[in-house]
């Protein structure tokens, strides 16, 4: 599981039946305090996330297969929630209600 930031949507001509009707998002992984890790992934959106949203993702085949009931294993990374806020020992490091909704790719 990881925190991420939505950079944009992905459109692909590849036809995989399990992906029909699914929204694909480009997600950049973040540390809990919001620093970029430099990695990006394509994830299926199950949380109606949008560009600039901070999200919670699963990145593990068994969990994704369970969500999609996909025994073939074609799905791995899934956006499962939009993050409202992140609290660390040092205090609140992210709050959706006050965050800027811009993405610097």
PDB file of N, CA and C in Angstrom:
ATOM      1  N   UNK A   1       0.846  -1.168   0.000  1.00  0.00           N
ATOM      2  CA  UNK A   1       0.000   0.000   0.000  1.00  0.00           C
ATOM      3  C   UNK A   1       0.897   1.238   0.000  1.00  0.00           C
ATOM      4  N   UNK A   2       0.464   2.278  -0.695  1.00  0.00           N
ATOM      5  CA  UNK A   2       1.257   3.501  -0.719  1.00  0.00           C
ATOM      6  C   UNK A   2       0.367   4.722  -0.885  1.00  0.00           C
ATOM      7  N   UNK A   3       0.928   5.871  -0.512  1.00  0.00           N
ATOM      8  CA  UNK A   3       0.283   7.155  -0.772  1.00  0.00           C
ATOM      9  C   UNK A   3       0.756   7.646  -2.130  1.00  0.00           C
ATOM     10  N   UNK A   4      -0.131   8.304  -2.844  1.00  0.00           N
ATOM     11  CA  UNK A   4       0.250   8.827  -4.139  1.00  0.00           C
ATOM     12  C   UNK A   4      -0.484  10.111  -4.451  1.00  0.00           C
ATOM     13  N   UNK A   5      -0.084  10.714  -5.561  1.00  0.00           N
ATOM     14  CA  UNK A   5      -0.699  11.934  -6.064  1.00  0.00           C
ATOM     15  C   UNK A   5      -1.077  11.691  -7.514  1.00  0.00           C
ATOM     16  N   UNK A   6      -2.298  12.037  -7.878  1.00  0.00           N
ATOM     17  CA  UNK A   6      -2.776  11.813  -9.238  1.00  0.00           C
ATOM     18  C   UNK A   6      -2.203  12.890 -10.160  1.00  0.00           C
ATOM     19  N   UNK A   7      -1.494  12.432 -11.193  1.00  0.00           N
ATOM     20  CA  UNK A   7      -0.901  13.343 -12.173  1.00  0.00           C
ATOM     21  C   UNK A   7      -1.792  13.546 -13.394  1.00  0.00           C
ATOM     22  N   UNK A   8      -2.584  12.538 -13.736  1.00  0.00           N
ATOM     23  CA  UNK A   8      -3.433  12.638 -14.912  1.00  0.00           C
ATOM     24  C   UNK A   8      -4.109  11.326 -15.216  1.00  0.00           C
ATOM     25  N   UNK A   9      -4.827  11.297 -16.325  1.00  0.00           N
ATOM     26  CA  UNK A   9      -5.497  10.078 -16.762  1.00  0.00           C
ATOM     27  C   UNK A   9      -4.697   9.439 -17.886  1.00  0.00           C
ATOM     28  N   UNK A  10      -4.937   8.162 -18.091  1.00  0.00           N
ATOM     29  CA  UNK A  10      -4.220   7.396 -19.108  1.00  0.00           C
ATOM     30  C   UNK A  10      -5.254   6.785 -20.051  1.00  0.00           C
ATOM     31  N   UNK A  11      -5.013   6.920 -21.331  1.00  0.00           N
ATOM     32  CA  UNK A  11      -5.862   6.294 -22.339  1.00  0.00           C
ATOM     33  C   UNK A  11      -5.000   5.310 -23.105  1.00  0.00           C
ATOM     34  N   UNK A  12      -5.494   4.084 -23.238  1.00  0.00           N
ATOM     35  CA  UNK A  12      -4.713   3.049 -23.908  1.00  0.00           C
ATOM     36  C   UNK A  12      -5.564   2.315 -24.936  1.00  0.00           C
ATOM     37  N   UNK A  13      -4.978   2.025 -26.111  1.00  0.00           N
ATOM     38  CA  UNK A  13      -5.712   1.251 -27.107  1.00  0.00           C
ATOM     39  C   UNK A  13      -5.674  -0.255 -26.820  1.00  0.00           C
ATOM     40  N   UNK A  14      -4.915  -0.659 -25.811  1.00  0.00           N
ATOM     41  CA  UNK A  14      -4.804  -2.078 -25.481  1.00  0.00           C
ATOM     42  C   UNK A  14      -6.141  -2.558 -24.922  1.00  0.00           C
ATOM     43  N   UNK A  15      -6.640  -3.646 -25.467  1.00  0.00           N
ATOM     44  CA  UNK A  15      -7.936  -4.166 -25.048  1.00  0.00           C
ATOM     45  C   UNK A  15      -7.758  -5.366 -24.118  1.00  0.00           C
ATOM     46  N   UNK A  16      -7.934  -5.118 -22.836  1.00  0.00           N
ATOM     47  CA  UNK A  16      -7.914  -6.181 -21.834  1.00  0.00           C
ATOM     48  C   UNK A  16      -9.306  -6.185 -21.218  1.00  0.00           C
ATOM     49  N   UNK A  17     -10.021  -7.293 -21.313  1.00  0.00           N
ATOM     50  CA  UNK A  17     -11.423  -7.310 -20.874  1.00  0.00           C
ATOM     51  C   UNK A  17     -11.654  -6.785 -19.459  1.00  0.00           C
ATOM     52  N   UNK A  18     -10.796  -7.095 -18.520  1.00  0.00           N
ATOM     53  CA  UNK A  18     -10.999  -6.670 -17.130  1.00  0.00           C
ATOM     54  C   UNK A  18     -10.933  -5.145 -16.994  1.00  0.00           C
ATOM     55  N   UNK A  19     -10.296  -4.463 -17.967  1.00  0.00           N
ATOM     56  CA  UNK A  19     -10.157  -3.003 -17.903  1.00  0.00           C
ATOM     57  C   UNK A  19     -11.267  -2.256 -18.629  1.00  0.00           C
ATOM     58  N   UNK A  20     -12.156  -2.966 -19.313  1.00  0.00           N
ATOM     59  CA  UNK A  20     -13.252  -2.297 -20.025  1.00  0.00           C
ATOM     60  C   UNK A  20     -14.074  -1.455 -19.059  1.00  0.00           C
ATOM     61  N   UNK A  21     -14.240  -0.182 -19.385  1.00  0.00           N
ATOM     62  CA  UNK A  21     -15.035   0.718 -18.564  1.00  0.00           C
ATOM     63  C   UNK A  21     -14.330   1.257 -17.328  1.00  0.00           C
ATOM     64  N   UNK A  22     -13.059   0.921 -17.144  1.00  0.00           N
ATOM     65  CA  UNK A  22     -12.312   1.383 -15.973  1.00  0.00           C
ATOM     66  C   UNK A  22     -11.532   2.651 -16.315  1.00  0.00           C
ATOM     67  N   UNK A  23     -11.432   3.578 -15.344  1.00  0.00           N
ATOM     68  CA  UNK A  23     -10.632   4.790 -15.525  1.00  0.00           C
ATOM     69  C   UNK A  23      -9.217   4.503 -15.034  1.00  0.00           C
ATOM     70  N   UNK A  24      -8.240   4.780 -15.886  1.00  0.00           N
ATOM     71  CA  UNK A  24      -6.836   4.579 -15.537  1.00  0.00           C
ATOM     72  C   UNK A  24      -6.215   5.918 -15.174  1.00  0.00           C
ATOM     73  N   UNK A  25      -5.435   5.924 -14.092  1.00  0.00           N
ATOM     74  CA  UNK A  25      -4.807   7.152 -13.602  1.00  0.00           C
ATOM     75  C   UNK A  25      -3.303   6.977 -13.504  1.00  0.00           C
ATOM     76  N   UNK A  26      -2.579   8.043 -13.765  1.00  0.00           N
ATOM     77  CA  UNK A  26      -1.139   8.071 -13.559  1.00  0.00           C
ATOM     78  C   UNK A  26      -0.897   8.585 -12.144  1.00  0.00           C
ATOM     79  N   UNK A  27      -0.239   7.760 -11.328  1.00  0.00           N
ATOM     80  CA  UNK A  27      -0.053   8.055  -9.909  1.00  0.00           C
ATOM     81  C   UNK A  27       1.432   8.142  -9.590  1.00  0.00           C
ATOM     82  N   UNK A  28       1.831   9.234  -8.936  1.00  0.00           N
ATOM     83  CA  UNK A  28       3.210   9.389  -8.461  1.00  0.00           C
ATOM     84  C   UNK A  28       3.224   9.022  -6.979  1.00  0.00           C
ATOM     85  N   UNK A  29       4.141   8.156  -6.579  1.00  0.00           N
ATOM     86  CA  UNK A  29       4.217   7.764  -5.178  1.00  0.00           C
ATOM     87  C   UNK A  29       4.817   8.893  -4.341  1.00  0.00           C
ATOM     88  N   UNK A  30       4.335   8.984  -3.104  1.00  0.00           N
ATOM     89  CA  UNK A  30       4.767  10.018  -2.168  1.00  0.00           C
ATOM     90  C   UNK A  30       5.111   9.395  -0.825  1.00  0.00           C
ATOM     91  N   UNK A  31       5.994  10.061  -0.092  1.00  0.00           N
ATOM     92  CA  UNK A  31       6.219   9.699   1.298  1.00  0.00           C
ATOM     93  C   UNK A  31       5.046  10.268   2.113  1.00  0.00           C
ATOM     94  N   UNK A  32       4.849   9.827   3.342  1.00  0.00           N
ATOM     95  CA  UNK A  32       3.733  10.359   4.132  1.00  0.00           C
ATOM     96  C   UNK A  32       3.747  11.880   4.288  1.00  0.00           C
ATOM     97  N   UNK A  33       4.937  12.490   4.271  1.00  0.00           N
ATOM     98  CA  UNK A  33       4.995  13.952   4.402  1.00  0.00           C
ATOM     99  C   UNK A  33       4.919  14.665   3.053  1.00  0.00           C
ATOM    100  N   UNK A  34       4.669  13.919   1.976  1.00  0.00           N
ATOM    101  CA  UNK A  34       4.411  14.523   0.673  1.00  0.00           C
ATOM    102  C   UNK A  34       5.584  14.642  -0.270  1.00  0.00           C
ATOM    103  N   UNK A  35       6.761  14.144   0.130  1.00  0.00           N
ATOM    104  CA  UNK A  35       7.907  14.201  -0.788  1.00  0.00           C
ATOM    105  C   UNK A  35       7.749  13.156  -1.878  1.00  0.00           C
ATOM    106  N   UNK A  36       8.129  13.536  -3.082  1.00  0.00           N
ATOM    107  CA  UNK A  36       8.040  12.626  -4.233  1.00  0.00           C
ATOM    108  C   UNK A  36       9.119  11.560  -4.143  1.00  0.00           C
ATOM    109  N   UNK A  37       8.767  10.343  -4.525  1.00  0.00           N
ATOM    110  CA  UNK A  37       9.770   9.279  -4.537  1.00  0.00           C
ATOM    111  C   UNK A  37      10.341   9.060  -5.928  1.00  0.00           C
ATOM    112  N   UNK A  38       9.758   9.715  -6.929  1.00  0.00           N
ATOM    113  CA  UNK A  38      10.271   9.600  -8.281  1.00  0.00           C
ATOM    114  C   UNK A  38       9.667   8.473  -9.091  1.00  0.00           C
ATOM    115  N   UNK A  39       8.869   7.624  -8.466  1.00  0.00           N
ATOM    116  CA  UNK A  39       8.265   6.511  -9.184  1.00  0.00           C
ATOM    117  C   UNK A  39       6.835   6.871  -9.569  1.00  0.00           C
ATOM    118  N   UNK A  40       6.403   6.412 -10.730  1.00  0.00           N
ATOM    119  CA  UNK A  40       5.005   6.573 -11.126  1.00  0.00           C
ATOM    120  C   UNK A  40       4.457   5.212 -11.515  1.00  0.00           C
ATOM    121  N   UNK A  41       3.147   5.095 -11.393  1.00  0.00           N
ATOM    122  CA  UNK A  41       2.461   3.857 -11.742  1.00  0.00           C
ATOM    123  C   UNK A  41       1.149   4.212 -12.425  1.00  0.00           C
ATOM    124  N   UNK A  42       0.630   3.262 -13.161  1.00  0.00           N
ATOM    125  CA  UNK A  42      -0.715   3.390 -13.711  1.00  0.00           C
ATOM    126  C   UNK A  42      -1.619   2.547 -12.825  1.00  0.00           C
ATOM    127  N   UNK A  43      -2.712   3.164 -12.370  1.00  0.00           N
ATOM    128  CA  UNK A  43      -3.616   2.478 -11.447  1.00  0.00           C
ATOM    129  C   UNK A  43      -5.051   2.595 -11.939  1.00  0.00           C
ATOM    130  N   UNK A  44      -5.856   1.618 -11.575  1.00  0.00           N
ATOM    131  CA  UNK A  44      -7.283   1.656 -11.857  1.00  0.00           C
ATOM    132  C   UNK A  44      -7.954   2.436 -10.731  1.00  0.00           C
ATOM    133  N   UNK A  45      -8.823   3.354 -11.095  1.00  0.00           N
ATOM    134  CA  UNK A  45      -9.490   4.218 -10.119  1.00  0.00           C
ATOM    135  C   UNK A  45     -10.776   3.582  -9.611  1.00  0.00           C
ATOM    136  N   UNK A  46     -10.821   3.280  -8.324  1.00  0.00           N
ATOM    137  CA  UNK A  46     -12.043   2.797  -7.689  1.00  0.00           C
ATOM    138  C   UNK A  46     -12.548   3.802  -6.660  1.00  0.00           C
ATOM    139  N   UNK A  47     -11.970   5.016  -6.636  1.00  0.00           N
ATOM    140  CA  UNK A  47     -12.329   6.008  -5.622  1.00  0.00           C
ATOM    141  C   UNK A  47     -12.784   7.339  -6.213  1.00  0.00           C
ATOM    142  N   UNK A  48     -12.967   7.403  -7.522  1.00  0.00           N
ATOM    143  CA  UNK A  48     -13.339   8.635  -8.210  1.00  0.00           C
ATOM    144  C   UNK A  48     -12.393   9.782  -7.892  1.00  0.00           C
ATOM    145  N   UNK A  49     -11.110   9.501  -7.976  1.00  0.00           N
ATOM    146  CA  UNK A  49     -10.071  10.496  -7.725  1.00  0.00           C
ATOM    147  C   UNK A  49      -9.885  11.375  -8.956  1.00  0.00           C
ATOM    148  N   UNK A  50      -9.301  12.542  -8.723  1.00  0.00           N
ATOM    149  CA  UNK A  50      -9.031  13.460  -9.815  1.00  0.00           C
ATOM    150  C   UNK A  50      -7.610  13.981  -9.758  1.00  0.00           C
ATOM    151  N   UNK A  51      -7.207  14.678 -10.795  1.00  0.00           N
ATOM    152  CA  UNK A  51      -5.864  15.231 -10.878  1.00  0.00           C
ATOM    153  C   UNK A  51      -5.599  16.115  -9.662  1.00  0.00           C
ATOM    154  N   UNK A  52      -4.464  15.914  -9.035  1.00  0.00           N
ATOM    155  CA  UNK A  52      -4.074  16.679  -7.859  1.00  0.00           C
ATOM    156  C   UNK A  52      -4.469  16.034  -6.547  1.00  0.00           C
ATOM    157  N   UNK A  53      -5.355  15.047  -6.566  1.00  0.00           N
ATOM    158  CA  UNK A  53      -5.768  14.385  -5.329  1.00  0.00           C
ATOM    159  C   UNK A  53      -4.637  13.542  -4.763  1.00  0.00           C
ATOM    160  N   UNK A  54      -4.551  13.525  -3.448  1.00  0.00           N
ATOM    161  CA  UNK A  54      -3.668  12.590  -2.752  1.00  0.00           C
ATOM    162  C   UNK A  54      -4.510  11.351  -2.482  1.00  0.00           C
ATOM    163  N   UNK A  55      -3.958  10.177  -2.790  1.00  0.00           N
ATOM    164  CA  UNK A  55      -4.747   8.950  -2.754  1.00  0.00           C
ATOM    165  C   UNK A  55      -4.013   7.825  -2.031  1.00  0.00           C
ATOM    166  N   UNK A  56      -4.791   6.833  -1.633  1.00  0.00           N
ATOM    167  CA  UNK A  56      -4.268   5.610  -1.059  1.00  0.00           C
ATOM    168  C   UNK A  56      -4.426   4.526  -2.116  1.00  0.00           C
ATOM    169  N   UNK A  57      -3.337   3.807  -2.392  1.00  0.00           N
ATOM    170  CA  UNK A  57      -3.349   2.775  -3.423  1.00  0.00           C
ATOM    171  C   UNK A  57      -2.888   1.439  -2.855  1.00  0.00           C
ATOM    172  N   UNK A  58      -3.439   0.386  -3.419  1.00  0.00           N
ATOM    173  CA  UNK A  58      -2.854  -0.927  -3.170  1.00  0.00           C
ATOM    174  C   UNK A  58      -2.023  -1.252  -4.392  1.00  0.00           C
ATOM    175  N   UNK A  59      -0.933  -1.935  -4.176  1.00  0.00           N
ATOM    176  CA  UNK A  59      -0.010  -2.278  -5.268  1.00  0.00           C
ATOM    177  C   UNK A  59       0.454  -3.714  -5.069  1.00  0.00           C
ATOM    178  N   UNK A  60      -0.519  -4.583  -5.016  1.00  0.00           N
ATOM    179  CA  UNK A  60      -0.224  -5.972  -4.708  1.00  0.00           C
ATOM    180  C   UNK A  60      -1.291  -6.819  -5.380  1.00  0.00           C
ATOM    181  N   UNK A  61      -0.878  -7.799  -6.126  1.00  0.00           N
ATOM    182  CA  UNK A  61      -1.778  -8.575  -6.962  1.00  0.00           C
ATOM    183  C   UNK A  61      -2.928  -9.260  -6.254  1.00  0.00           C
ATOM    184  N   UNK A  62      -2.687  -9.871  -5.092  1.00  0.00           N
ATOM    185  CA  UNK A  62      -3.766 -10.602  -4.418  1.00  0.00           C
ATOM    186  C   UNK A  62      -4.906  -9.679  -4.022  1.00  0.00           C
ATOM    187  N   UNK A  63      -4.592  -8.503  -3.487  1.00  0.00           N
ATOM    188  CA  UNK A  63      -5.648  -7.557  -3.094  1.00  0.00           C
ATOM    189  C   UNK A  63      -6.418  -7.070  -4.314  1.00  0.00           C
ATOM    190  N   UNK A  64      -5.705  -6.729  -5.359  1.00  0.00           N
ATOM    191  CA  UNK A  64      -6.361  -6.247  -6.581  1.00  0.00           C
ATOM    192  C   UNK A  64      -7.229  -7.334  -7.193  1.00  0.00           C
ATOM    193  N   UNK A  65      -6.736  -8.550  -7.230  1.00  0.00           N
ATOM    194  CA  UNK A  65      -7.538  -9.650  -7.775  1.00  0.00           C
ATOM    195  C   UNK A  65      -8.805  -9.847  -6.957  1.00  0.00           C
ATOM    196  N   UNK A  66      -8.724  -9.640  -5.646  1.00  0.00           N
ATOM    197  CA  UNK A  66      -9.905  -9.752  -4.803  1.00  0.00           C
ATOM    198  C   UNK A  66     -10.942  -8.686  -5.107  1.00  0.00           C
ATOM    199  N   UNK A  67     -10.501  -7.454  -5.338  1.00  0.00           N
ATOM    200  CA  UNK A  67     -11.414  -6.355  -5.651  1.00  0.00           C
ATOM    201  C   UNK A  67     -12.126  -6.610  -6.971  1.00  0.00           C
ATOM    202  N   UNK A  68     -11.378  -7.093  -7.962  1.00  0.00           N
ATOM    203  CA  UNK A  68     -11.937  -7.274  -9.302  1.00  0.00           C
ATOM    204  C   UNK A  68     -12.415  -8.690  -9.581  1.00  0.00           C
ATOM    205  N   UNK A  69     -12.212  -9.589  -8.616  1.00  0.00           N
ATOM    206  CA  UNK A  69     -12.555 -10.998  -8.826  1.00  0.00           C
ATOM    207  C   UNK A  69     -11.909 -11.488 -10.121  1.00  0.00           C
ATOM    208  N   UNK A  70     -10.611 -11.229 -10.221  1.00  0.00           N
ATOM    209  CA  UNK A  70      -9.832 -11.501 -11.430  1.00  0.00           C
ATOM    210  C   UNK A  70      -8.807 -12.603 -11.158  1.00  0.00           C
ATOM    211  N   UNK A  71      -9.156 -13.851 -11.358  1.00  0.00           N
ATOM    212  CA  UNK A  71      -8.207 -14.939 -11.081  1.00  0.00           C
ATOM    213  C   UNK A  71      -7.015 -14.960 -12.027  1.00  0.00           C
ATOM    214  N   UNK A  72      -7.111 -14.264 -13.157  1.00  0.00           N
ATOM    215  CA  UNK A  72      -6.021 -14.264 -14.132  1.00  0.00           C
ATOM    216  C   UNK A  72      -4.853 -13.390 -13.684  1.00  0.00           C
ATOM    217  N   UNK A  73      -5.103 -12.429 -12.803  1.00  0.00           N
ATOM    218  CA  UNK A  73      -4.034 -11.583 -12.295  1.00  0.00           C
ATOM    219  C   UNK A  73      -3.610 -10.449 -13.199  1.00  0.00           C
ATOM    220  N   UNK A  74      -4.526  -9.920 -14.020  1.00  0.00           N
ATOM    221  CA  UNK A  74      -4.184  -8.820 -14.930  1.00  0.00           C
ATOM    222  C   UNK A  74      -4.141  -7.468 -14.235  1.00  0.00           C
ATOM    223  N   UNK A  75      -4.609  -7.388 -12.995  1.00  0.00           N
ATOM    224  CA  UNK A  75      -4.691  -6.116 -12.273  1.00  0.00           C
ATOM    225  C   UNK A  75      -3.744  -6.153 -11.081  1.00  0.00           C
ATOM    226  N   UNK A  76      -3.010  -5.046 -10.869  1.00  0.00           N
ATOM    227  CA  UNK A  76      -2.110  -4.983  -9.719  1.00  0.00           C
ATOM    228  C   UNK A  76      -2.312  -3.725  -8.888  1.00  0.00           C
ATOM    229  N   UNK A  77      -2.316  -2.536  -9.503  1.00  0.00           N
ATOM    230  CA  UNK A  77      -2.358  -1.279  -8.765  1.00  0.00           C
ATOM    231  C   UNK A  77      -3.746  -0.656  -8.872  1.00  0.00           C
ATOM    232  N   UNK A  78      -4.323  -0.333  -7.700  1.00  0.00           N
ATOM    233  CA  UNK A  78      -5.686   0.193  -7.649  1.00  0.00           C
ATOM    234  C   UNK A  78      -5.740   1.366  -6.669  1.00  0.00           C
ATOM    235  N   UNK A  79      -6.372   2.479  -7.095  1.00  0.00           N
ATOM    236  CA  UNK A  79      -6.653   3.597  -6.197  1.00  0.00           C
ATOM    237  C   UNK A  79      -7.893   3.207  -5.405  1.00  0.00           C
ATOM    238  N   UNK A  80      -7.741   3.104  -4.068  1.00  0.00           N
ATOM    239  CA  UNK A  80      -8.860   2.653  -3.249  1.00  0.00           C
ATOM    240  C   UNK A  80      -9.449   3.745  -2.362  1.00  0.00           C
ATOM    241  N   UNK A  81      -8.801   4.915  -2.295  1.00  0.00           N
ATOM    242  CA  UNK A  81      -9.350   5.982  -1.470  1.00  0.00           C
ATOM    243  C   UNK A  81      -8.682   7.316  -1.726  1.00  0.00           C
ATOM    244  N   UNK A  82      -9.444   8.385  -1.511  1.00  0.00           N
ATOM    245  CA  UNK A  82      -8.918   9.743  -1.580  1.00  0.00           C
ATOM    246  C   UNK A  82      -8.617  10.164  -0.141  1.00  0.00           C
ATOM    247  N   UNK A  83      -7.435  10.711   0.086  1.00  0.00           N
ATOM    248  CA  UNK A  83      -6.966  11.065   1.424  1.00  0.00           C
ATOM    249  C   UNK A  83      -7.480  12.452   1.816  1.00  0.00           C
ATOM    250  N   UNK A  84      -8.106  12.543   2.984  1.00  0.00           N
ATOM    251  CA  UNK A  84      -8.569  13.839   3.499  1.00  0.00           C
ATOM    252  C   UNK A  84      -7.453  14.570   4.232  1.00  0.00           C
ATOM    253  N   UNK A  85      -6.688  13.843   5.069  1.00  0.00           N
ATOM    254  CA  UNK A  85      -5.565  14.456   5.770  1.00  0.00           C
ATOM    255  C   UNK A  85      -4.582  13.388   6.212  1.00  0.00           C
ATOM    256  N   UNK A  86      -3.343  13.827   6.486  1.00  0.00           N
ATOM    257  CA  UNK A  86      -2.283  12.952   6.979  1.00  0.00           C
ATOM    258  C   UNK A  86      -1.702  13.590   8.232  1.00  0.00           C
ATOM    259  N   UNK A  87      -1.729  12.855   9.317  1.00  0.00           N
ATOM    260  CA  UNK A  87      -1.129  13.293  10.571  1.00  0.00           C
ATOM    261  C   UNK A  87       0.092  12.439  10.872  1.00  0.00           C
ATOM    262  N   UNK A  88       1.197  13.072  11.219  1.00  0.00           N
ATOM    263  CA  UNK A  88       2.392  12.393  11.696  1.00  0.00           C
ATOM    264  C   UNK A  88       2.624  12.823  13.135  1.00  0.00           C
ATOM    265  N   UNK A  89       3.631  12.263  13.779  1.00  0.00           N
ATOM    266  CA  UNK A  89       3.941  12.656  15.153  1.00  0.00           C
ATOM    267  C   UNK A  89       4.185  14.155  15.267  1.00  0.00           C
ATOM    268  N   UNK A  90       4.765  14.734  14.225  1.00  0.00           N
ATOM    269  CA  UNK A  90       5.082  16.160  14.235  1.00  0.00           C
ATOM    270  C   UNK A  90       3.851  17.040  14.002  1.00  0.00           C
ATOM    271  N   UNK A  91       2.731  16.432  13.636  1.00  0.00           N
ATOM    272  CA  UNK A  91       1.514  17.193  13.384  1.00  0.00           C
ATOM    273  C   UNK A  91       0.937  16.890  12.016  1.00  0.00           C
ATOM    274  N   UNK A  92      -0.052  17.661  11.619  1.00  0.00           N
ATOM    275  CA  UNK A  92      -0.723  17.466  10.335  1.00  0.00           C
ATOM    276  C   UNK A  92       0.184  17.961   9.209  1.00  0.00           C
ATOM    277  N   UNK A  93       0.483  17.065   8.265  1.00  0.00           N
ATOM    278  CA  UNK A  93       1.369  17.414   7.153  1.00  0.00           C
ATOM    279  C   UNK A  93       0.609  17.583   5.835  1.00  0.00           C
ATOM    280  N   UNK A  94      -0.650  17.173   5.808  1.00  0.00           N
ATOM    281  CA  UNK A  94      -1.470  17.344   4.604  1.00  0.00           C
ATOM    282  C   UNK A  94      -2.928  17.454   5.022  1.00  0.00           C
ATOM    283  N   UNK A  95      -3.623  18.409   4.412  1.00  0.00           N
ATOM    284  CA  UNK A  95      -5.055  18.564   4.631  1.00  0.00           C
ATOM    285  C   UNK A  95      -5.681  18.920   3.289  1.00  0.00           C
ATOM    286  N   UNK A  96      -6.546  18.051   2.792  1.00  0.00           N
ATOM    287  CA  UNK A  96      -7.152  18.259   1.478  1.00  0.00           C
ATOM    288  C   UNK A  96      -7.897  19.585   1.386  1.00  0.00           C
ATOM    289  N   UNK A  97      -8.506  20.007   2.484  1.00  0.00           N
ATOM    290  CA  UNK A  97      -9.315  21.224   2.447  1.00  0.00           C
ATOM    291  C   UNK A  97      -8.477  22.494   2.235  1.00  0.00           C
ATOM    292  N   UNK A  98      -7.175  22.421   2.522  1.00  0.00           N
ATOM    293  CA  UNK A  98      -6.321  23.604   2.351  1.00  0.00           C
ATOM    294  C   UNK A  98      -5.223  23.401   1.312  1.00  0.00           C
ATOM    295  N   UNK A  99      -5.158  22.211   0.719  1.00  0.00           N
ATOM    296  CA  UNK A  99      -4.090  21.906  -0.250  1.00  0.00           C
ATOM    297  C   UNK A  99      -4.374  22.542  -1.596  1.00  0.00           C
ATOM    298  N   UNK A 100      -3.313  22.926  -2.282  1.00  0.00           N
ATOM    299  CA  UNK A 100      -3.430  23.427  -3.647  1.00  0.00           C
ATOM    300  C   UNK A 100      -3.733  22.243  -4.549  1.00  0.00           C
ATOM    301  N   UNK A 101      -4.545  22.436  -5.583  1.00  0.00           N
ATOM    302  CA  UNK A 101      -4.900  21.350  -6.486  1.00  0.00           C
ATOM    303  C   UNK A 101      -4.129  21.477  -7.797  1.00  0.00           C
ATOM    304  N   UNK A 102      -2.837  21.721  -7.711  1.00  0.00           N
ATOM    305  CA  UNK A 102      -2.015  21.780  -8.919  1.00  0.00           C
ATOM    306  C   UNK A 102      -0.966  20.675  -8.822  1.00  0.00           C
ATOM    307  N   UNK A 103      -0.566  20.180  -9.953  1.00  0.00           N
ATOM    308  CA  UNK A 103       0.406  19.099 -10.018  1.00  0.00           C
ATOM    309  C   UNK A 103       1.583  19.565 -10.858  1.00  0.00           C
ATOM    310  N   UNK A 104       2.765  19.460 -10.305  1.00  0.00           N
ATOM    311  CA  UNK A 104       3.971  19.792 -11.056  1.00  0.00           C
ATOM    312  C   UNK A 104       4.646  18.493 -11.454  1.00  0.00           C
ATOM    313  N   UNK A 105       4.380  18.064 -12.659  1.00  0.00           N
ATOM    314  CA  UNK A 105       4.935  16.805 -13.144  1.00  0.00           C
ATOM    315  C   UNK A 105       6.404  16.986 -13.307  1.00  0.00           C
TER     316      UNK A 105
END
